[in-house]
Amino acid sequence: MVFKYIGFIFTLLWAYTFIRAQGIFGKKAGILFTIFISKISWITFIIACYYGIKNFSFYYALGGIAFSIIAVHLVFNKLATYIKDKINDDEKLLKIKTVAEYLIITLIVYYIFI
């Protein structure tokens, strides 16, 4: 039962991380990210919530969902603070973000068509 609950928490963390990551990207990468990754992550998150409610008590499922959402938000906030402290130049940070967005677009297109 413990392994099922750990799998439940891991699935929630995994799905909600991709849901939360959607807001980081700009319009170009955001559209592709929304269509191909975020929608599937929402479905995974909802199915995992249903699985948790069916297999565990309501309070354990609710606690796992709350833990996952809070943990992902804390990690994203700490990571944003760390990156802003390490890269003081906003222009350099924007260039890195743009390169990352185009890399993600390329990987999604490559994965779909090849």
Protein backbone atom coordinates (compact mmCIF):
# COMPACT_ATOMS: atom_id res chain seq x y z
CA MET A 1 0.00 0.00 0.00
CA VAL A 2 2.91 2.34 0.72
CA PHE A 3 4.34 1.78 -2.76
CA LYS A 4 0.97 2.61 -4.33
CA TYR A 5 0.80 5.85 -2.36
CA ILE A 6 4.37 6.79 -3.31
CA GLY A 7 3.50 6.11 -6.96
CA PHE A 8 0.39 8.24 -6.56
CA ILE A 9 2.43 11.15 -5.14
CA PHE A 10 5.09 10.76 -7.84
CA THR A 11 2.45 10.82 -10.59
CA LEU A 12 0.88 13.96 -9.14
CA LEU A 13 4.26 15.66 -8.87
CA TRP A 14 5.21 14.66 -12.40
CA ALA A 15 1.95 15.82 -13.98
CA TYR A 16 1.68 19.07 -12.02
CA THR A 17 5.30 19.98 -12.81
CA PHE A 18 4.47 19.99 -16.52
CA ILE A 19 1.25 21.90 -15.89
CA ARG A 20 3.15 24.54 -13.93
CA ALA A 21 5.97 24.68 -16.49
CA GLN A 22 3.55 25.81 -19.17
CA GLY A 23 3.48 29.34 -17.71
CA ILE A 24 7.22 29.79 -18.07
CA PHE A 25 7.33 29.74 -21.83
CA GLY A 26 6.41 32.48 -24.27
CA LYS A 27 3.61 32.40 -26.80
CA LYS A 28 5.41 30.36 -29.49
CA ALA A 29 6.61 27.53 -27.28
CA GLY A 30 3.61 27.93 -25.01
CA ILE A 31 1.15 26.98 -27.75
CA LEU A 32 3.04 23.81 -28.68
CA PHE A 33 3.63 23.03 -25.03
CA THR A 34 -0.08 23.49 -24.29
CA ILE A 35 -1.23 21.32 -27.17
CA PHE A 36 1.17 18.41 -26.79
CA ILE A 37 2.27 18.31 -23.17
CA SER A 38 0.05 20.34 -20.88
CA LYS A 39 -3.25 18.77 -22.00
CA ILE A 40 -1.90 15.28 -21.41
CA SER A 41 -0.53 16.38 -18.03
CA TRP A 42 -3.94 17.74 -16.99
CA ILE A 43 -5.55 14.44 -17.95
CA THR A 44 -2.87 12.53 -16.04
CA PHE A 45 -3.30 14.77 -12.99
CA ILE A 46 -7.09 14.34 -12.97
CA ILE A 47 -6.86 10.57 -13.42
CA ALA A 48 -4.26 10.37 -10.64
CA CYS A 49 -6.60 12.34 -8.34
CA TYR A 50 -9.43 9.94 -9.16
CA TYR A 51 -7.11 6.97 -8.53
CA GLY A 52 -6.08 8.41 -5.17
CA ILE A 53 -9.66 8.98 -4.06
CA LYS A 54 -10.69 5.47 -5.12
CA ASN A 55 -7.73 3.60 -3.58
CA PHE A 56 -6.94 5.65 -0.48
CA SER A 57 -9.02 7.49 2.02
CA PHE A 58 -10.31 10.89 0.97
CA TYR A 59 -8.00 12.68 3.41
CA TYR A 60 -4.89 10.82 2.23
CA ALA A 61 -5.75 11.63 -1.39
CA LEU A 62 -6.47 15.26 -0.55
CA GLY A 63 -3.23 15.48 1.43
CA GLY A 64 -1.25 14.02 -1.47
CA ILE A 65 -2.81 16.45 -3.93
CA ALA A 66 -2.15 19.43 -1.64
CA PHE A 67 1.42 18.26 -0.96
CA SER A 68 2.13 17.89 -4.68
CA ILE A 69 0.79 21.32 -5.61
CA ILE A 70 2.57 23.08 -2.75
CA ALA A 71 5.85 21.24 -3.38
CA VAL A 72 5.88 22.09 -7.10
CA HIS A 73 5.12 25.75 -6.43
CA LEU A 74 7.85 25.98 -3.79
CA VAL A 75 10.42 24.35 -6.07
CA PHE A 76 9.53 26.65 -8.96
CA ASN A 77 9.74 29.75 -6.72
CA LYS A 78 13.11 28.67 -5.25
CA LEU A 79 14.43 27.86 -8.72
CA ALA A 80 13.31 31.25 -10.08
CA THR A 81 14.98 33.04 -7.18
CA TYR A 82 18.17 31.02 -7.66
CA ILE A 83 18.32 31.74 -11.39
CA LYS A 84 17.70 35.46 -10.89
CA ASP A 85 20.46 35.60 -8.28
CA LYS A 86 22.93 33.72 -10.49
CA ILE A 87 22.16 35.63 -13.69
CA ASN A 88 21.95 39.31 -12.83
CA ASP A 89 21.73 40.46 -16.44
CA ASP A 90 18.09 40.43 -17.62
CA GLU A 91 19.13 40.53 -21.27
CA LYS A 92 21.26 37.43 -20.88
CA LEU A 93 18.41 35.66 -19.07
CA LEU A 94 16.03 36.54 -21.91
CA LYS A 95 18.47 35.11 -24.47
CA ILE A 96 18.77 31.87 -22.51
CA LYS A 97 14.98 31.63 -22.26
CA THR A 98 14.59 32.23 -26.01
CA VAL A 99 17.15 29.54 -26.85
CA ALA A 100 15.40 27.11 -24.49
CA GLU A 101 12.01 27.86 -26.09
CA TYR A 102 13.31 27.24 -29.61
CA LEU A 103 15.00 24.06 -28.42
CA ILE A 104 11.70 22.82 -26.99
CA ILE A 105 9.85 23.70 -30.21
CA THR A 106 12.48 21.82 -32.21
CA LEU A 107 12.27 18.77 -29.93
CA ILE A 108 8.47 18.67 -30.09
CA VAL A 109 8.45 18.99 -33.89
CA TYR A 110 11.22 16.38 -34.18
CA TYR A 111 9.35 13.99 -31.89
CA ILE A 112 6.09 14.37 -33.81
CA PHE A 113 7.36 14.16 -37.37
CA ILE A 114 10.43 11.93 -37.14
